[in-house]
Amino acid sequence: MGRGRAKAKQTKVARELKYSSHDTDFDALQRELSKNSSDKHEDDNRYEDPYDDGYDEYRR
């Protein structure tokens, strides 16, 4: 019991998202995406293995 109310709420939210028109701020989206892509490159170096000799993929 109780699942009906939660499902009805999810259905209501899904319909609002599907049928309502939202103004998209493409400039803010571009800023966010460019910020995240530069952060990603910095994170890649943080997880680099200092003991990797580059030959692991050739090991049999």
PDB file of N, CA and C in Angstrom:
ATOM      1  N   MET A   1       0.828  -1.182   0.000  1.00  0.00           N
ATOM      2  CA  MET A   1       0.000   0.000   0.000  1.00  0.00           C
ATOM      3  C   MET A   1       0.871   1.244   0.000  1.00  0.00           C
ATOM      4  N   GLY A   2       0.337   2.320  -0.548  1.00  0.00           N
ATOM      5  CA  GLY A   2       1.083   3.556  -0.565  1.00  0.00           C
ATOM      6  C   GLY A   2       1.812   3.798  -1.864  1.00  0.00           C
ATOM      7  N   ARG A   3       1.930   2.785  -2.699  1.00  0.00           N
ATOM      8  CA  ARG A   3       2.639   2.933  -3.967  1.00  0.00           C
ATOM      9  C   ARG A   3       1.844   3.793  -4.938  1.00  0.00           C
ATOM     10  N   GLY A   4       0.553   3.787  -4.827  1.00  0.00           N
ATOM     11  CA  GLY A   4      -0.296   4.542  -5.746  1.00  0.00           C
ATOM     12  C   GLY A   4      -0.044   6.031  -5.676  1.00  0.00           C
ATOM     13  N   ARG A   5       0.120   6.556  -4.481  1.00  0.00           N
ATOM     14  CA  ARG A   5       0.353   7.988  -4.315  1.00  0.00           C
ATOM     15  C   ARG A   5       1.716   8.384  -4.898  1.00  0.00           C
ATOM     16  N   ALA A   6       2.745   7.573  -4.669  1.00  0.00           N
ATOM     17  CA  ALA A   6       4.076   7.865  -5.199  1.00  0.00           C
ATOM     18  C   ALA A   6       4.068   7.784  -6.724  1.00  0.00           C
ATOM     19  N   LYS A   7       3.390   6.784  -7.278  1.00  0.00           N
ATOM     20  CA  LYS A   7       3.314   6.639  -8.730  1.00  0.00           C
ATOM     21  C   LYS A   7       2.560   7.800  -9.347  1.00  0.00           C
ATOM     22  N   ALA A   8       1.501   8.245  -8.713  1.00  0.00           N
ATOM     23  CA  ALA A   8       0.741   9.387  -9.219  1.00  0.00           C
ATOM     24  C   ALA A   8       1.606  10.640  -9.231  1.00  0.00           C
ATOM     25  N   LYS A   9       2.409  10.825  -8.210  1.00  0.00           N
ATOM     26  CA  LYS A   9       3.310  11.981  -8.145  1.00  0.00           C
ATOM     27  C   LYS A   9       4.340  11.908  -9.264  1.00  0.00           C
ATOM     28  N   GLN A  10       4.926  10.727  -9.479  1.00  0.00           N
ATOM     29  CA  GLN A  10       5.900  10.567 -10.556  1.00  0.00           C
ATOM     30  C   GLN A  10       5.273  10.835 -11.915  1.00  0.00           C
ATOM     31  N   THR A  11       4.056  10.369 -12.111  1.00  0.00           N
ATOM     32  CA  THR A  11       3.352  10.592 -13.372  1.00  0.00           C
ATOM     33  C   THR A  11       3.093  12.070 -13.578  1.00  0.00           C
ATOM     34  N   LYS A  12       2.692  12.771 -12.520  1.00  0.00           N
ATOM     35  CA  LYS A  12       2.427  14.205 -12.602  1.00  0.00           C
ATOM     36  C   LYS A  12       3.694  14.960 -12.972  1.00  0.00           C
ATOM     37  N   VAL A  13       4.807  14.635 -12.319  1.00  0.00           N
ATOM     38  CA  VAL A  13       6.072  15.310 -12.609  1.00  0.00           C
ATOM     39  C   VAL A  13       6.509  15.020 -14.036  1.00  0.00           C
ATOM     40  N   ALA A  14       6.374  13.771 -14.482  1.00  0.00           N
ATOM     41  CA  ALA A  14       6.765  13.407 -15.844  1.00  0.00           C
ATOM     42  C   ALA A  14       5.942  14.168 -16.871  1.00  0.00           C
ATOM     43  N   ARG A  15       4.648  14.305 -16.632  1.00  0.00           N
ATOM     44  CA  ARG A  15       3.801  15.059 -17.574  1.00  0.00           C
ATOM     45  C   ARG A  15       4.184  16.536 -17.602  1.00  0.00           C
ATOM     46  N   GLU A  16       4.487  17.101 -16.431  1.00  0.00           N
ATOM     47  CA  GLU A  16       4.904  18.506 -16.391  1.00  0.00           C
ATOM     48  C   GLU A  16       6.187  18.714 -17.184  1.00  0.00           C
ATOM     49  N   LEU A  17       7.126  17.792 -17.029  1.00  0.00           N
ATOM     50  CA  LEU A  17       8.382  17.917 -17.770  1.00  0.00           C
ATOM     51  C   LEU A  17       8.172  17.739 -19.274  1.00  0.00           C
ATOM     52  N   LYS A  18       7.284  16.844 -19.631  1.00  0.00           N
ATOM     53  CA  LYS A  18       7.070  16.546 -21.044  1.00  0.00           C
ATOM     54  C   LYS A  18       6.325  17.658 -21.766  1.00  0.00           C
ATOM     55  N   TYR A  19       5.311  18.203 -21.140  1.00  0.00           N
ATOM     56  CA  TYR A  19       4.422  19.117 -21.842  1.00  0.00           C
ATOM     57  C   TYR A  19       4.644  20.597 -21.544  1.00  0.00           C
ATOM     58  N   SER A  20       5.419  20.936 -20.542  1.00  0.00           N
ATOM     59  CA  SER A  20       5.634  22.352 -20.263  1.00  0.00           C
ATOM     60  C   SER A  20       6.796  22.864 -21.113  1.00  0.00           C
ATOM     61  N   SER A  21       6.725  24.119 -21.456  1.00  0.00           N
ATOM     62  CA  SER A  21       7.807  24.692 -22.254  1.00  0.00           C
ATOM     63  C   SER A  21       8.733  25.467 -21.324  1.00  0.00           C
ATOM     64  N   HIS A  22       9.995  25.156 -21.418  1.00  0.00           N
ATOM     65  CA  HIS A  22      10.994  25.798 -20.582  1.00  0.00           C
ATOM     66  C   HIS A  22      11.935  26.588 -21.479  1.00  0.00           C
ATOM     67  N   ASP A  23      12.311  27.771 -21.016  1.00  0.00           N
ATOM     68  CA  ASP A  23      13.295  28.551 -21.750  1.00  0.00           C
ATOM     69  C   ASP A  23      14.675  28.045 -21.371  1.00  0.00           C
ATOM     70  N   THR A  24      15.452  27.706 -22.381  1.00  0.00           N
ATOM     71  CA  THR A  24      16.787  27.169 -22.146  1.00  0.00           C
ATOM     72  C   THR A  24      17.804  28.284 -22.278  1.00  0.00           C
ATOM     73  N   ASP A  25      18.643  28.424 -21.280  1.00  0.00           N
ATOM     74  CA  ASP A  25      19.720  29.400 -21.318  1.00  0.00           C
ATOM     75  C   ASP A  25      20.952  28.707 -21.882  1.00  0.00           C
ATOM     76  N   PHE A  26      21.128  28.824 -23.210  1.00  0.00           N
ATOM     77  CA  PHE A  26      22.222  28.123 -23.871  1.00  0.00           C
ATOM     78  C   PHE A  26      23.583  28.683 -23.485  1.00  0.00           C
ATOM     79  N   ASP A  27      23.641  29.963 -23.152  1.00  0.00           N
ATOM     80  CA  ASP A  27      24.916  30.546 -22.721  1.00  0.00           C
ATOM     81  C   ASP A  27      25.367  29.936 -21.393  1.00  0.00           C
ATOM     82  N   ALA A  28      24.449  29.784 -20.455  1.00  0.00           N
ATOM     83  CA  ALA A  28      24.785  29.175 -19.173  1.00  0.00           C
ATOM     84  C   ALA A  28      25.168  27.708 -19.364  1.00  0.00           C
ATOM     85  N   LEU A  29      24.484  27.027 -20.271  1.00  0.00           N
ATOM     86  CA  LEU A  29      24.808  25.635 -20.554  1.00  0.00           C
ATOM     87  C   LEU A  29      26.210  25.524 -21.146  1.00  0.00           C
ATOM     88  N   GLN A  30      26.549  26.415 -22.053  1.00  0.00           N
ATOM     89  CA  GLN A  30      27.879  26.402 -22.657  1.00  0.00           C
ATOM     90  C   GLN A  30      28.963  26.651 -21.606  1.00  0.00           C
ATOM     91  N   ARG A  31      28.713  27.600 -20.697  1.00  0.00           N
ATOM     92  CA  ARG A  31      29.687  27.883 -19.639  1.00  0.00           C
ATOM     93  C   ARG A  31      29.875  26.659 -18.744  1.00  0.00           C
ATOM     94  N   GLU A  32      28.764  25.998 -18.410  1.00  0.00           N
ATOM     95  CA  GLU A  32      28.848  24.839 -17.533  1.00  0.00           C
ATOM     96  C   GLU A  32      29.589  23.687 -18.208  1.00  0.00           C
ATOM     97  N   LEU A  33      29.292  23.459 -19.478  1.00  0.00           N
ATOM     98  CA  LEU A  33      29.951  22.363 -20.184  1.00  0.00           C
ATOM     99  C   LEU A  33      31.433  22.631 -20.391  1.00  0.00           C
ATOM    100  N   SER A  34      31.787  23.865 -20.695  1.00  0.00           N
ATOM    101  CA  SER A  34      33.198  24.163 -20.898  1.00  0.00           C
ATOM    102  C   SER A  34      33.956  24.099 -19.578  1.00  0.00           C
ATOM    103  N   LYS A  35      33.308  24.469 -18.480  1.00  0.00           N
ATOM    104  CA  LYS A  35      33.939  24.377 -17.166  1.00  0.00           C
ATOM    105  C   LYS A  35      34.177  22.924 -16.800  1.00  0.00           C
ATOM    106  N   ASN A  36      33.201  22.061 -17.050  1.00  0.00           N
ATOM    107  CA  ASN A  36      33.332  20.648 -16.698  1.00  0.00           C
ATOM    108  C   ASN A  36      34.371  19.950 -17.556  1.00  0.00           C
ATOM    109  N   SER A  37      34.489  20.318 -18.817  1.00  0.00           N
ATOM    110  CA  SER A  37      35.469  19.642 -19.661  1.00  0.00           C
ATOM    111  C   SER A  37      36.887  20.004 -19.245  1.00  0.00           C
ATOM    112  N   SER A  38      37.129  21.234 -18.797  1.00  0.00           N
ATOM    113  CA  SER A  38      38.470  21.588 -18.346  1.00  0.00           C
ATOM    114  C   SER A  38      38.781  20.925 -17.013  1.00  0.00           C
ATOM    115  N   ASP A  39      37.777  20.761 -16.150  1.00  0.00           N
ATOM    116  CA  ASP A  39      37.972  20.064 -14.881  1.00  0.00           C
ATOM    117  C   ASP A  39      38.299  18.595 -15.117  1.00  0.00           C
ATOM    118  N   LYS A  40      37.706  18.010 -16.146  1.00  0.00           N
ATOM    119  CA  LYS A  40      37.911  16.600 -16.423  1.00  0.00           C
ATOM    120  C   LYS A  40      39.369  16.331 -16.770  1.00  0.00           C
ATOM    121  N   HIS A  41      39.971  17.220 -17.554  1.00  0.00           N
ATOM    122  CA  HIS A  41      41.360  17.016 -17.934  1.00  0.00           C
ATOM    123  C   HIS A  41      42.281  17.097 -16.721  1.00  0.00           C
ATOM    124  N   GLU A  42      41.963  17.944 -15.777  1.00  0.00           N
ATOM    125  CA  GLU A  42      42.769  18.034 -14.560  1.00  0.00           C
ATOM    126  C   GLU A  42      42.621  16.774 -13.721  1.00  0.00           C
ATOM    127  N   ASP A  43      41.415  16.210 -13.683  1.00  0.00           N
ATOM    128  CA  ASP A  43      41.181  14.998 -12.903  1.00  0.00           C
ATOM    129  C   ASP A  43      41.888  13.798 -13.517  1.00  0.00           C
ATOM    130  N   ASP A  44      42.037  13.771 -14.853  1.00  0.00           N
ATOM    131  CA  ASP A  44      42.692  12.646 -15.498  1.00  0.00           C
ATOM    132  C   ASP A  44      44.133  12.502 -15.017  1.00  0.00           C
ATOM    133  N   ASN A  45      44.833  13.585 -14.820  1.00  0.00           N
ATOM    134  CA  ASN A  45      46.218  13.530 -14.375  1.00  0.00           C
ATOM    135  C   ASN A  45      46.321  13.070 -12.926  1.00  0.00           C
ATOM    136  N   ARG A  46      45.312  13.337 -12.141  1.00  0.00           N
ATOM    137  CA  ARG A  46      45.344  12.978 -10.738  1.00  0.00           C
ATOM    138  C   ARG A  46      45.331  11.466 -10.554  1.00  0.00           C
ATOM    139  N   TYR A  47      44.679  10.724 -11.457  1.00  0.00           N
ATOM    140  CA  TYR A  47      44.547   9.285 -11.309  1.00  0.00           C
ATOM    141  C   TYR A  47      45.567   8.523 -12.157  1.00  0.00           C
ATOM    142  N   GLU A  48      46.540   9.193 -12.693  1.00  0.00           N
ATOM    143  CA  GLU A  48      47.534   8.540 -13.517  1.00  0.00           C
ATOM    144  C   GLU A  48      48.430   7.655 -12.647  1.00  0.00           C
ATOM    145  N   ASP A  49      48.745   6.472 -13.128  1.00  0.00           N
ATOM    146  CA  ASP A  49      49.560   5.525 -12.379  1.00  0.00           C
ATOM    147  C   ASP A  49      51.044   5.871 -12.543  1.00  0.00           C
ATOM    148  N   PRO A  50      51.729   6.228 -11.459  1.00  0.00           N
ATOM    149  CA  PRO A  50      53.141   6.600 -11.587  1.00  0.00           C
ATOM    150  C   PRO A  50      54.034   5.411 -11.922  1.00  0.00           C
ATOM    151  N   TYR A  51      53.558   4.179 -11.709  1.00  0.00           N
ATOM    152  CA  TYR A  51      54.360   2.983 -11.983  1.00  0.00           C
ATOM    153  C   TYR A  51      54.027   2.342 -13.319  1.00  0.00           C
ATOM    154  N   ASP A  52      53.178   2.969 -14.118  1.00  0.00           N
ATOM    155  CA  ASP A  52      52.785   2.420 -15.407  1.00  0.00           C
ATOM    156  C   ASP A  52      53.917   2.614 -16.410  1.00  0.00           C
ATOM    157  N   ASP A  53      54.416   1.499 -16.964  1.00  0.00           N
ATOM    158  CA  ASP A  53      55.495   1.602 -17.942  1.00  0.00           C
ATOM    159  C   ASP A  53      54.957   1.622 -19.366  1.00  0.00           C
ATOM    160  N   GLY A  54      53.651   1.462 -19.543  1.00  0.00           N
ATOM    161  CA  GLY A  54      53.042   1.537 -20.865  1.00  0.00           C
ATOM    162  C   GLY A  54      52.992   0.220 -21.597  1.00  0.00           C
ATOM    163  N   TYR A  55      53.515  -0.853 -21.012  1.00  0.00           N
ATOM    164  CA  TYR A  55      53.563  -2.147 -21.694  1.00  0.00           C
ATOM    165  C   TYR A  55      52.533  -3.134 -21.178  1.00  0.00           C
ATOM    166  N   ASP A  56      51.624  -2.740 -20.305  1.00  0.00           N
ATOM    167  CA  ASP A  56      50.637  -3.647 -19.750  1.00  0.00           C
ATOM    168  C   ASP A  56      49.718  -4.236 -20.819  1.00  0.00           C
ATOM    169  N   GLU A  57      49.378  -3.449 -21.814  1.00  0.00           N
ATOM    170  CA  GLU A  57      48.468  -3.955 -22.838  1.00  0.00           C
ATOM    171  C   GLU A  57      49.133  -4.996 -23.730  1.00  0.00           C
ATOM    172  N   TYR A  58      50.469  -5.095 -23.709  1.00  0.00           N
ATOM    173  CA  TYR A  58      51.183  -6.067 -24.541  1.00  0.00           C
ATOM    174  C   TYR A  58      51.539  -7.339 -23.771  1.00  0.00           C
ATOM    175  N   ARG A  59      51.253  -7.375 -22.475  1.00  0.00           N
ATOM    176  CA  ARG A  59      51.579  -8.522 -21.649  1.00  0.00           C
ATOM    177  C   ARG A  59      50.705  -9.707 -22.026  1.00  0.00           C
ATOM    178  N   ARG A  60      51.284 -10.888 -22.037  1.00  0.00           N
ATOM    179  CA  ARG A  60      50.522 -12.095 -22.402  1.00  0.00           C
ATOM    180  C   ARG A  60      50.205 -12.921 -21.215  1.00  0.00           C
TER     181      ARG A  60
END
